[in-house]
Amino acid sequence: MSGAGVDPGERAEVLLLRAEELLAGDGPESAEEAVLALEGAQDVAAGSGVEPSLRERIDERLAHARARRDGEGPGPDAG
């Protein structure tokens, strides 16, 4: 899926939702996949036309996902 022709804000939202689904799962694979999805969302959201509040949510969730992946954060029920 290329994402060509898709609004960057919508694409970032889809990736954020995917990461949320993955973080609801259990295991290191879920956390790693969530980090990848959020990094993709961050790249997409860096473009113009994306609400700053969405960028902030992505950044916050990325920090949480990285901490969880690295064994530093709380489990799937947090935040």
C-alpha atoms as a PDB file:
ATOM      1  CA  MET A   1       0.000   0.000   0.000  1.00  0.00           C
ATOM      2  CA  SER A   2       1.664   3.174  -1.174  1.00  0.00           C
ATOM      3  CA  GLY A   3      -0.541   5.818   0.427  1.00  0.00           C
ATOM      4  CA  ALA A   4      -0.347   7.898  -2.758  1.00  0.00           C
ATOM      5  CA  GLY A   5      -3.244  10.325  -2.974  1.00  0.00           C
ATOM      6  CA  VAL A   6      -4.166   9.830   0.666  1.00  0.00           C
ATOM      7  CA  ASP A   7      -4.348  12.831   2.978  1.00  0.00           C
ATOM      8  CA  PRO A   8      -1.231  12.820   5.219  1.00  0.00           C
ATOM      9  CA  GLY A   9      -3.329  13.447   8.319  1.00  0.00           C
ATOM     10  CA  GLU A  10      -5.580  10.496   7.524  1.00  0.00           C
ATOM     11  CA  ARG A  11      -2.598   8.248   6.799  1.00  0.00           C
ATOM     12  CA  ALA A  12      -0.954   9.261  10.078  1.00  0.00           C
ATOM     13  CA  GLU A  13      -4.232   8.545  11.930  1.00  0.00           C
ATOM     14  CA  VAL A  14      -4.447   5.077  10.371  1.00  0.00           C
ATOM     15  CA  LEU A  15      -0.881   4.300  11.419  1.00  0.00           C
ATOM     16  CA  LEU A  16      -1.556   5.628  14.929  1.00  0.00           C
ATOM     17  CA  LEU A  17      -4.629   3.405  15.231  1.00  0.00           C
ATOM     18  CA  ARG A  18      -2.629   0.419  13.988  1.00  0.00           C
ATOM     19  CA  ALA A  19       0.006   1.087  16.628  1.00  0.00           C
ATOM     20  CA  GLU A  20      -2.689   1.329  19.312  1.00  0.00           C
ATOM     21  CA  GLU A  21      -4.015  -2.085  18.258  1.00  0.00           C
ATOM     22  CA  LEU A  22      -0.522  -3.538  18.422  1.00  0.00           C
ATOM     23  CA  LEU A  23       0.148  -2.019  21.841  1.00  0.00           C
ATOM     24  CA  ALA A  24      -3.044  -3.632  23.098  1.00  0.00           C
ATOM     25  CA  GLY A  25      -1.440  -6.958  22.243  1.00  0.00           C
ATOM     26  CA  ASP A  26       1.127  -8.693  24.337  1.00  0.00           C
ATOM     27  CA  GLY A  27       4.732  -9.489  23.599  1.00  0.00           C
ATOM     28  CA  PRO A  28       7.853  -7.840  22.275  1.00  0.00           C
ATOM     29  CA  GLU A  29       6.829  -8.364  18.650  1.00  0.00           C
ATOM     30  CA  SER A  30       3.717  -6.244  19.191  1.00  0.00           C
ATOM     31  CA  ALA A  31       5.744  -3.435  20.736  1.00  0.00           C
ATOM     32  CA  GLU A  32       8.323  -3.513  17.937  1.00  0.00           C
ATOM     33  CA  GLU A  33       5.624  -3.439  15.260  1.00  0.00           C
ATOM     34  CA  ALA A  34       3.926  -0.559  17.080  1.00  0.00           C
ATOM     35  CA  VAL A  35       7.204   1.386  17.083  1.00  0.00           C
ATOM     36  CA  LEU A  36       7.538   0.826  13.341  1.00  0.00           C
ATOM     37  CA  ALA A  37       3.963   1.972  12.710  1.00  0.00           C
ATOM     38  CA  LEU A  38       4.464   5.069  14.854  1.00  0.00           C
ATOM     39  CA  GLU A  39       7.748   5.926  13.171  1.00  0.00           C
ATOM     40  CA  GLY A  40       5.891   5.730   9.870  1.00  0.00           C
ATOM     41  CA  ALA A  41       3.147   7.947  11.271  1.00  0.00           C
ATOM     42  CA  GLN A  42       5.752  10.413  12.458  1.00  0.00           C
ATOM     43  CA  ASP A  43       7.312  10.564   8.990  1.00  0.00           C
ATOM     44  CA  VAL A  44       3.931  11.107   7.335  1.00  0.00           C
ATOM     45  CA  ALA A  45       2.892  13.710   9.922  1.00  0.00           C
ATOM     46  CA  ALA A  46       6.074  15.714   9.356  1.00  0.00           C
ATOM     47  CA  GLY A  47       4.559  17.044   6.148  1.00  0.00           C
ATOM     48  CA  SER A  48       2.305  20.039   5.844  1.00  0.00           C
ATOM     49  CA  GLY A  49      -1.405  19.903   6.512  1.00  0.00           C
ATOM     50  CA  VAL A  50      -1.199  17.757   9.644  1.00  0.00           C
ATOM     51  CA  GLU A  51      -2.581  19.096  12.908  1.00  0.00           C
ATOM     52  CA  PRO A  52       0.077  19.765  15.562  1.00  0.00           C
ATOM     53  CA  SER A  53      -2.071  17.910  18.112  1.00  0.00           C
ATOM     54  CA  LEU A  54      -1.840  14.762  15.984  1.00  0.00           C
ATOM     55  CA  ARG A  55       1.944  15.090  15.812  1.00  0.00           C
ATOM     56  CA  GLU A  56       2.040  15.424  19.600  1.00  0.00           C
ATOM     57  CA  ARG A  57      -0.100  12.298  20.091  1.00  0.00           C
ATOM     58  CA  ILE A  58       2.148  10.348  17.752  1.00  0.00           C
ATOM     59  CA  ASP A  59       5.287  11.524  19.563  1.00  0.00           C
ATOM     60  CA  GLU A  60       3.826  10.604  22.962  1.00  0.00           C
ATOM     61  CA  ARG A  61       2.722   7.159  21.837  1.00  0.00           C
ATOM     62  CA  LEU A  62       6.078   6.556  20.139  1.00  0.00           C
ATOM     63  CA  ALA A  63       7.920   7.320  23.378  1.00  0.00           C
ATOM     64  CA  HIS A  64       5.572   4.946  25.219  1.00  0.00           C
ATOM     65  CA  ALA A  65       5.987   2.195  22.619  1.00  0.00           C
ATOM     66  CA  ARG A  66       9.779   2.494  22.639  1.00  0.00           C
ATOM     67  CA  ALA A  67       9.841   2.326  26.440  1.00  0.00           C
ATOM     68  CA  ARG A  68       7.602  -0.736  26.387  1.00  0.00           C
ATOM     69  CA  ARG A  69       9.679  -2.385  23.680  1.00  0.00           C
ATOM     70  CA  ASP A  70      12.817  -1.737  25.707  1.00  0.00           C
ATOM     71  CA  GLY A  71      11.238  -3.091  28.876  1.00  0.00           C
ATOM     72  CA  GLU A  72      11.043   0.300  30.574  1.00  0.00           C
ATOM     73  CA  GLY A  73       7.345   1.031  30.379  1.00  0.00           C
ATOM     74  CA  PRO A  74       4.080  -0.265  31.762  1.00  0.00           C
ATOM     75  CA  GLY A  75       2.003  -2.957  30.142  1.00  0.00           C
ATOM     76  CA  PRO A  76      -0.759  -2.719  27.545  1.00  0.00           C
ATOM     77  CA  ASP A  77      -3.358  -1.190  29.903  1.00  0.00           C
ATOM     78  CA  ALA A  78      -1.352   1.968  30.554  1.00  0.00           C
ATOM     79  CA  GLY A  79      -1.904   5.369  28.932  1.00  0.00           C
END
